[in-house]
Amino acid sequence: MSGGVDSAVAAARAVDAGHEVVGVHLALSRMPGTLRTGSRGCCTIEDAMDARRVANLLAIPFYVWDFSERFKEDVVDDFVAEYAAGRTPNPCLRCNEKIKFAALLDKAVALGFDAVATGHYASLVDGPHGRELHRASAWAKDQSYVLGVLTAEQLARCWFPLGDTPSKELIRAEAEDRGIQVAGKPDSHDICFIPDGDTRGWLSEHLDRRPGDIVDEDGEVVGRHDGAHGYTVGQRRGLQLGSPAADGRPRYVLSIRPVSNQVVVGPREHLAIRRVAGGRYSLTGDPGFELSEPFGCEVQIRAHADPVPAFARLVAIDEAARTEQHRAGATHEIVVDIDLDHAEPLSGVAPGQSAVLYIGTRVLGQFTIDRALPVEGAV
């Protein structure tokens, strides 16, 4: 129970269904002031108090479980390490993967509970090869993207009571009817462990500044940076380039090279991506076919992005062709080619982002993007 309206209604529906329900709030920081405050529905002291009031209303036991050490190691430290490696991570997926559906679920099962119910908007369906994760009926609120890291074993112990609700407005109305005080509480946003929302400033406090060159695609130095972690793929403003482009057009960040500590800039059209690949992957269950054979799917690279038709396959990494973009230790990777006959190329793709694969409404799995190849570039 995060303290927000979604988990409150999910708990209420679990009680109505006749289950023995216990409310749990996760304490993810030993210094709550370092987490975002202001009725954000996440992990602050005020959120814990909101969750406790809901539990009292529902007459269910309520506990606060301290996962602050796990959260720091598995989410915050991973976030810093990914940026240090020139990638742009998604901490919400790591939190679901490592905390909410690993540490929390493991502890719940060890204590004898059957399942963990959350307020996520997603659906579970019993398919021919086992339980499947699907999009929620309310596509505008669908959160299946951030759940793409879950495994079949985890999904077997999950329940998403809000998955069939057509809209968030209905959830708020239901909460109001039930007398739940957080019925009008704003949704949570941004990164919970960055209090002021200034990711660049926060990273500057956690990573050493390593000044380096800003170069064009030919390797020509066009400026200097005071730390590559302060730049993101697709960025245009704040580059402070020393020399203008030959054609006078604006330039954008195309990539970040962690080994050489360079930021590469170029024209906007070179942000168009035809292929993404990554070696840090997982599946939500048995796909029912061989992943090594090319298969049609849709790929989504951001929580609120539109899915794009594509073709994917699992391949062995050619050691002779391995580059610094390949993830260390990975022997295989998922490669996804955008179906350019039916879709526009992806834009502004950054290594470290999560690509979630769908077949219809079903979530097949996900991978962390290591490589993004432009429409015109190496195969």
Protein backbone atom coordinates (compact mmCIF):
# COMPACT_ATOMS: atom_id res chain seq x y z
CA MET A 1 0.00 0.00 0.00
CA SER A 2 1.84 3.05 -1.29
CA GLY A 3 -0.49 5.61 0.24
CA GLY A 4 -2.10 6.39 -3.11
CA VAL A 5 -5.65 5.82 -4.31
CA ASP A 6 -4.87 2.86 -6.60
CA SER A 7 -3.40 0.58 -3.93
CA ALA A 8 -6.13 1.69 -1.51
CA VAL A 9 -8.90 0.53 -3.85
CA ALA A 10 -6.95 -2.65 -4.70
CA ALA A 11 -6.82 -3.48 -0.96
CA ALA A 12 -10.51 -2.73 -0.58
CA ARG A 13 -11.41 -5.02 -3.48
CA ALA A 14 -9.24 -7.77 -2.01
CA VAL A 15 -11.17 -7.47 1.27
CA ASP A 16 -14.50 -7.53 -0.62
CA ALA A 17 -13.39 -10.72 -2.40
CA GLY A 18 -13.17 -12.46 0.97
CA HIS A 19 -9.42 -12.75 1.25
CA GLU A 20 -7.45 -12.40 4.46
CA VAL A 21 -5.66 -9.15 3.66
CA VAL A 22 -2.67 -7.51 5.33
CA GLY A 23 -1.56 -4.05 4.25
CA VAL A 24 2.17 -3.46 3.77
CA HIS A 25 3.92 -0.16 3.10
CA LEU A 26 7.53 -0.18 1.96
CA ALA A 27 10.07 2.07 3.68
CA LEU A 28 12.67 2.62 1.01
CA SER A 29 14.87 5.23 2.65
CA ARG A 30 16.38 5.62 6.12
CA MET A 31 16.20 9.37 5.47
CA PRO A 32 12.61 10.03 4.29
CA GLY A 33 13.53 13.62 3.50
CA THR A 34 15.59 12.30 0.59
CA LEU A 35 12.43 11.01 -1.07
CA ARG A 36 9.93 13.17 -2.90
CA THR A 37 7.21 14.65 -0.71
CA GLY A 38 3.92 16.44 -1.28
CA SER A 39 1.20 13.82 -1.64
CA ARG A 40 3.04 11.99 -4.37
CA GLY A 41 1.77 8.53 -3.47
CA CYS A 42 5.13 6.83 -3.26
CA CYS A 43 7.35 6.15 -0.25
CA THR A 44 7.42 9.12 2.15
CA ILE A 45 6.33 9.36 5.79
CA GLU A 46 3.12 11.10 4.82
CA ASP A 47 2.41 8.32 2.32
CA ALA A 48 2.87 5.71 5.07
CA MET A 49 0.38 7.63 7.22
CA ASP A 50 -2.12 7.77 4.35
CA ALA A 51 -1.74 4.01 3.82
CA ARG A 52 -2.25 3.34 7.54
CA ARG A 53 -5.48 5.39 7.56
CA VAL A 54 -6.81 3.33 4.65
CA ALA A 55 -5.89 0.09 6.43
CA ASN A 56 -7.71 1.29 9.56
CA LEU A 57 -10.77 2.09 7.46
CA LEU A 58 -10.69 -1.40 5.94
CA ALA A 59 -10.03 -2.95 9.38
CA ILE A 60 -6.99 -4.88 8.16
CA PRO A 61 -3.58 -5.27 9.85
CA PHE A 62 -0.93 -2.85 8.60
CA TYR A 63 2.85 -3.03 8.65
CA VAL A 64 5.77 -0.98 7.37
CA TRP A 65 8.57 -3.17 6.00
CA ASP A 66 12.04 -1.66 5.81
CA PHE A 67 13.65 -2.44 2.45
CA SER A 68 15.86 0.63 2.43
CA GLU A 69 19.13 -1.30 2.14
CA ARG A 70 17.85 -3.45 -0.71
CA PHE A 71 16.44 -0.37 -2.43
CA LYS A 72 19.78 1.43 -2.22
CA GLU A 73 21.75 -1.54 -3.52
CA ASP A 74 19.38 -2.76 -6.22
CA VAL A 75 17.80 0.49 -7.44
CA VAL A 76 19.77 3.58 -6.42
CA ASP A 77 23.25 2.09 -6.85
CA ASP A 78 22.19 0.47 -10.13
CA PHE A 79 20.87 3.85 -11.30
CA VAL A 80 24.23 5.49 -10.59
CA ALA A 81 26.22 2.64 -12.15
CA GLU A 82 24.17 2.73 -15.35
CA TYR A 83 24.68 6.47 -15.76
CA ALA A 84 28.40 6.02 -15.07
CA ALA A 85 28.42 3.52 -17.95
CA GLY A 86 26.78 6.03 -20.29
CA ARG A 87 23.28 4.53 -20.10
CA THR A 88 19.90 6.01 -19.15
CA PRO A 89 18.16 3.57 -16.76
CA ASN A 90 14.55 3.23 -15.66
CA PRO A 91 14.57 2.93 -11.84
CA CYS A 92 10.84 2.14 -11.66
CA LEU A 93 11.37 -1.12 -13.57
CA ARG A 94 14.32 -2.03 -11.34
CA CYS A 95 12.17 -1.33 -8.27
CA ASN A 96 9.45 -3.64 -9.53
CA GLU A 97 12.01 -6.28 -10.49
CA LYS A 98 14.14 -6.21 -7.35
CA ILE A 99 11.90 -4.83 -4.58
CA LYS A 100 8.13 -5.04 -5.07
CA PHE A 101 8.04 -8.40 -6.81
CA ALA A 102 11.24 -9.96 -5.46
CA ALA A 103 12.15 -8.84 -1.94
CA LEU A 104 8.54 -8.12 -0.97
CA LEU A 105 7.11 -11.20 -2.64
CA ASP A 106 9.82 -13.47 -1.22
CA LYS A 107 9.16 -12.23 2.30
CA ALA A 108 5.40 -12.55 1.88
CA VAL A 109 5.66 -16.15 0.65
CA ALA A 110 8.09 -17.00 3.47
CA LEU A 111 5.49 -15.70 5.95
CA GLY A 112 2.79 -17.91 4.44
CA PHE A 113 0.91 -15.49 2.22
CA ASP A 114 -0.45 -16.74 -1.09
CA ALA A 115 0.01 -13.65 -3.25
CA VAL A 116 0.86 -9.97 -3.43
CA ALA A 117 -1.85 -7.63 -4.72
CA THR A 118 -0.93 -4.17 -6.00
CA GLY A 119 -2.68 -1.21 -7.57
CA HIS A 120 -0.98 -1.60 -10.95
CA TYR A 121 -3.13 -1.32 -14.05
CA ALA A 122 -2.45 -4.63 -15.79
CA SER A 123 -4.26 -7.92 -16.36
CA LEU A 124 -3.44 -11.58 -15.80
CA VAL A 125 -4.82 -14.25 -18.13
CA ASP A 126 -4.52 -18.03 -17.96
CA GLY A 127 -3.15 -18.99 -21.37
CA PRO A 128 -2.24 -22.28 -23.05
CA HIS A 129 1.31 -22.15 -21.64
CA GLY A 130 0.53 -20.74 -18.21
CA ARG A 131 -0.32 -17.39 -16.70
CA GLU A 132 0.16 -14.43 -19.01
CA LEU A 133 0.64 -10.72 -18.33
CA HIS A 134 -1.55 -8.47 -20.49
CA ARG A 135 -2.30 -4.80 -20.87
CA ALA A 136 -5.00 -3.30 -18.68
CA SER A 137 -8.39 -2.56 -20.19
CA ALA A 138 -7.70 1.16 -19.59
CA TRP A 139 -4.91 1.66 -22.10
CA ALA A 140 -4.46 5.28 -21.03
CA LYS A 141 -3.46 4.04 -17.56
CA ASP A 142 -1.87 0.75 -18.64
CA GLN A 143 1.22 -0.06 -16.55
CA SER A 144 2.18 -3.37 -18.11
CA TYR A 145 5.37 -1.75 -19.44
CA VAL A 146 6.86 -1.33 -15.95
CA LEU A 147 5.81 -4.90 -15.09
CA GLY A 148 7.59 -6.40 -18.10
CA VAL A 149 10.47 -7.48 -15.83
CA LEU A 150 8.31 -10.02 -13.97
CA THR A 151 8.88 -13.74 -14.41
CA ALA A 152 6.37 -16.58 -14.67
CA GLU A 153 7.11 -17.60 -11.08
CA GLN A 154 6.40 -14.08 -9.85
CA LEU A 155 3.23 -13.69 -11.92
CA ALA A 156 1.90 -16.90 -10.37
CA ARG A 157 1.90 -15.07 -7.01
CA CYS A 158 0.55 -11.71 -8.26
CA TRP A 159 -2.89 -10.14 -8.39
CA PHE A 160 -3.83 -6.85 -10.02
CA PRO A 161 -7.41 -6.06 -8.91
CA LEU A 162 -7.62 -2.87 -11.01
CA GLY A 163 -6.74 -4.46 -14.34
CA ASP A 164 -10.30 -4.59 -15.69
CA THR A 165 -11.31 -1.07 -14.60
CA PRO A 166 -11.88 1.12 -17.68
CA SER A 167 -10.59 4.41 -16.23
CA LYS A 168 -8.80 6.08 -13.32
CA GLU A 169 -11.84 8.31 -12.81
CA LEU A 170 -13.86 5.24 -11.86
CA ILE A 171 -11.21 4.28 -9.30
CA ARG A 172 -11.34 7.74 -7.73
CA ALA A 173 -15.15 7.65 -7.67
CA GLU A 174 -15.08 4.23 -6.01
CA ALA A 175 -12.61 5.47 -3.42
CA GLU A 176 -14.85 8.45 -2.71
CA ASP A 177 -17.88 6.17 -2.28
CA ARG A 178 -15.91 4.00 0.14
CA GLY A 179 -14.89 7.02 2.22
CA ILE A 180 -11.20 6.64 1.40
CA GLN A 181 -9.50 9.95 2.17
CA VAL A 182 -6.90 9.69 -0.60
CA ALA A 183 -9.56 9.55 -3.33
CA GLY A 184 -8.32 12.83 -4.82
CA LYS A 185 -4.63 12.40 -4.07
CA PRO A 186 -2.38 13.23 -7.08
CA ASP A 187 -0.59 10.42 -8.89
CA SER A 188 3.10 9.82 -8.16
CA HIS A 189 5.57 11.11 -10.74
CA ASP A 190 9.27 11.25 -11.47
CA ILE A 191 12.01 9.50 -9.50
CA CYS A 192 11.19 9.09 -5.82
CA PHE A 193 14.78 9.28 -4.54
CA ILE A 194 15.54 12.58 -6.29
CA PRO A 195 13.64 15.05 -4.07
CA ASP A 196 13.73 18.13 -6.29
CA GLY A 197 13.42 16.34 -9.63
CA ASP A 198 16.85 17.62 -10.75
CA THR A 199 18.37 14.37 -12.03
CA ARG A 200 21.45 16.08 -13.47
CA GLY A 201 22.19 17.86 -10.20
CA TRP A 202 21.63 14.69 -8.17
CA LEU A 203 23.99 12.72 -10.40
CA SER A 204 26.63 15.43 -10.05
CA GLU A 205 26.64 14.73 -6.32
CA HIS A 206 27.00 10.96 -6.80
CA LEU A 207 29.38 10.74 -9.76
CA ASP A 208 32.80 12.22 -10.26
CA ARG A 209 32.89 15.00 -12.82
CA ARG A 210 34.97 13.92 -15.80
CA PRO A 211 35.24 16.74 -18.33
CA GLY A 212 35.54 15.57 -21.91
CA ASP A 213 34.96 16.35 -25.55
CA ILE A 214 31.74 16.86 -27.45
CA VAL A 215 32.38 15.54 -30.95
CA ASP A 216 30.51 15.26 -34.21
CA GLU A 217 30.01 11.96 -36.03
CA ASP A 218 33.38 12.32 -37.76
CA GLY A 219 35.15 12.67 -34.41
CA GLU A 220 35.77 16.41 -34.79
CA VAL A 221 35.76 18.20 -31.43
CA VAL A 222 32.98 20.81 -31.38
CA GLY A 223 32.74 21.55 -27.67
CA ARG A 224 33.49 20.44 -24.11
CA HIS A 225 31.33 18.92 -21.40
CA ASP A 226 31.82 18.84 -17.62
CA GLY A 227 30.42 15.32 -17.22
CA ALA A 228 28.81 13.05 -19.79
CA HIS A 229 26.20 11.90 -17.26
CA GLY A 230 24.57 15.33 -17.60
CA TYR A 231 23.52 14.62 -21.18
CA THR A 232 20.77 12.46 -22.63
CA VAL A 233 20.21 11.13 -26.14
CA GLY A 234 17.97 13.52 -28.05
CA GLN A 235 19.01 16.57 -26.02
CA ARG A 236 19.29 19.84 -27.94
CA ARG A 237 19.42 22.62 -25.37
CA GLY A 238 22.36 23.41 -23.12
CA LEU A 239 25.04 21.81 -25.33
CA GLN A 240 27.19 24.98 -25.45
CA LEU A 241 28.97 23.96 -28.62
CA GLY A 242 32.06 25.93 -29.54
CA SER A 243 31.58 25.72 -33.32
CA PRO A 244 28.33 25.68 -35.34
CA ALA A 245 27.37 22.92 -37.75
CA ALA A 246 28.47 23.45 -41.34
CA ASP A 247 24.84 23.60 -42.48
CA GLY A 248 23.83 25.89 -39.62
CA ARG A 249 21.19 23.48 -38.33
CA PRO A 250 20.74 22.54 -34.65
CA ARG A 251 22.58 19.51 -33.36
CA TYR A 252 21.35 16.89 -30.92
CA VAL A 253 23.01 14.37 -28.64
CA LEU A 254 23.20 11.12 -30.64
CA SER A 255 25.13 8.94 -28.22
CA ILE A 256 27.42 8.87 -25.20
CA ARG A 257 30.71 6.97 -25.30
CA PRO A 258 31.66 6.01 -21.73
CA VAL A 259 35.11 4.61 -22.54
CA SER A 260 36.35 7.69 -24.39
CA ASN A 261 34.13 9.98 -22.27
CA GLN A 262 32.74 11.66 -25.37
CA VAL A 263 29.31 13.06 -26.16
CA VAL A 264 28.45 12.65 -29.85
CA VAL A 265 26.20 15.21 -31.56
CA GLY A 266 24.64 15.39 -34.98
CA PRO A 267 21.53 16.31 -36.98
CA ARG A 268 18.07 15.39 -35.75
CA GLU A 269 17.41 12.87 -38.52
CA HIS A 270 20.29 10.74 -37.21
CA LEU A 271 18.25 10.08 -34.06
CA ALA A 272 16.03 7.79 -36.15
CA ILE A 273 16.63 4.20 -35.00
CA ARG A 274 15.84 1.05 -36.96
CA ARG A 275 17.25 -1.58 -34.60
CA VAL A 276 17.67 -2.01 -30.85
CA ALA A 277 19.38 -4.88 -29.03
CA GLY A 278 20.22 -5.87 -25.49
CA GLY A 279 21.65 -8.71 -23.43
CA ARG A 280 19.89 -8.06 -20.11
CA TYR A 281 16.57 -9.72 -20.88
CA SER A 282 13.79 -11.70 -19.22
CA LEU A 283 10.53 -13.37 -20.19
CA THR A 284 7.17 -13.25 -18.42
CA GLY A 285 6.49 -16.87 -19.30
CA ASP A 286 6.69 -19.55 -21.96
CA PRO A 287 6.25 -17.77 -25.32
CA GLY A 288 5.08 -20.96 -27.02
CA PHE A 289 7.68 -20.73 -29.79
CA GLU A 290 11.43 -20.64 -30.31
CA LEU A 291 12.88 -17.18 -29.69
CA SER A 292 15.82 -17.93 -31.99
CA GLU A 293 13.43 -17.81 -34.95
CA PRO A 294 12.34 -14.30 -36.05
CA PHE A 295 8.85 -13.45 -34.80
CA GLY A 296 6.48 -10.53 -35.27
CA CYS A 297 5.73 -8.37 -32.24
CA GLU A 298 5.41 -4.81 -31.02
CA VAL A 299 8.10 -3.01 -29.05
CA GLN A 300 7.57 -0.20 -26.54
CA ILE A 301 10.56 1.76 -25.26
CA ARG A 302 8.93 4.14 -22.77
CA ALA A 303 6.11 3.80 -20.26
CA HIS A 304 3.81 6.12 -22.19
CA ALA A 305 5.12 5.57 -25.72
CA ASP A 306 3.09 3.99 -28.48
CA PRO A 307 4.01 0.39 -29.35
CA VAL A 308 5.74 -0.03 -32.70
CA PRO A 309 5.48 -3.09 -35.01
CA ALA A 310 8.75 -4.99 -35.24
CA PHE A 311 10.49 -8.31 -35.77
CA ALA A 312 12.57 -9.84 -32.96
CA ARG A 313 14.85 -12.79 -32.30
CA LEU A 314 17.29 -14.10 -29.70
CA VAL A 315 20.83 -14.41 -31.07
CA ALA A 316 24.26 -15.41 -29.79
CA ILE A 317 26.67 -12.49 -29.54
CA ASP A 318 29.53 -12.78 -32.01
CA GLU A 319 32.63 -12.39 -29.83
CA ALA A 320 34.66 -11.14 -32.79
CA ALA A 321 32.14 -8.33 -33.30
CA ARG A 322 31.69 -7.40 -29.63
CA THR A 323 31.94 -3.64 -28.92
CA GLU A 324 31.81 -1.45 -25.82
CA GLN A 325 28.07 -1.15 -26.42
CA HIS A 326 27.52 -4.85 -25.74
CA ARG A 327 26.73 -5.63 -22.11
CA ALA A 328 29.66 -7.24 -20.31
CA GLY A 329 29.12 -10.92 -19.57
CA ALA A 330 26.15 -11.35 -21.89
CA THR A 331 26.41 -14.30 -24.29
CA HIS A 332 23.06 -13.73 -26.02
CA GLU A 333 20.95 -10.70 -26.81
CA ILE A 334 17.51 -9.91 -28.14
CA VAL A 335 17.62 -8.01 -31.42
CA VAL A 336 14.57 -6.06 -32.56
CA ASP A 337 14.19 -4.58 -36.05
CA ILE A 338 11.48 -1.98 -36.54
CA ASP A 339 9.03 -2.86 -39.32
CA LEU A 340 9.77 0.21 -41.40
CA ASP A 341 7.10 -0.78 -43.93
CA HIS A 342 4.42 -0.14 -41.30
CA ALA A 343 5.99 2.23 -38.78
CA GLU A 344 8.27 5.21 -38.42
CA PRO A 345 11.74 4.61 -36.94
CA LEU A 346 12.17 4.99 -33.20
CA SER A 347 13.50 8.35 -32.08
CA GLY A 348 15.85 9.40 -29.32
CA VAL A 349 16.60 5.90 -28.09
CA ALA A 350 19.19 5.75 -25.31
CA PRO A 351 21.08 2.68 -24.11
CA GLY A 352 19.79 1.77 -20.67
CA GLN A 353 16.14 2.23 -21.59
CA SER A 354 13.91 -0.82 -21.30
CA ALA A 355 12.30 -2.28 -24.41
CA VAL A 356 9.17 -4.31 -23.65
CA LEU A 357 7.90 -6.78 -26.25
CA TYR A 358 4.19 -7.39 -26.84
CA ILE A 359 2.25 -9.87 -28.95
CA GLY A 360 -1.19 -8.35 -29.11
CA THR A 361 -1.98 -7.29 -25.56
CA ARG A 362 0.32 -9.91 -24.04
CA VAL A 363 3.65 -8.88 -22.52
CA LEU A 364 6.24 -11.34 -23.79
CA GLY A 365 9.22 -9.95 -21.90
CA GLN A 366 11.77 -7.15 -21.86
CA PHE A 367 15.40 -6.26 -22.32
CA THR A 368 17.63 -3.34 -21.45
CA ILE A 369 18.78 -1.59 -24.60
CA ASP A 370 22.55 -1.81 -25.06
CA ARG A 371 22.73 -0.85 -28.72
CA ALA A 372 20.60 1.41 -30.92
CA LEU A 373 21.45 1.43 -34.61
CA PRO A 374 20.33 4.27 -36.88
CA VAL A 375 18.28 3.88 -40.04
CA GLU A 376 21.48 4.46 -42.00
CA GLY A 377 24.36 2.74 -40.25
CA ALA A 378 26.01 -0.55 -39.49
CA VAL A 379 23.98 -3.71 -39.73
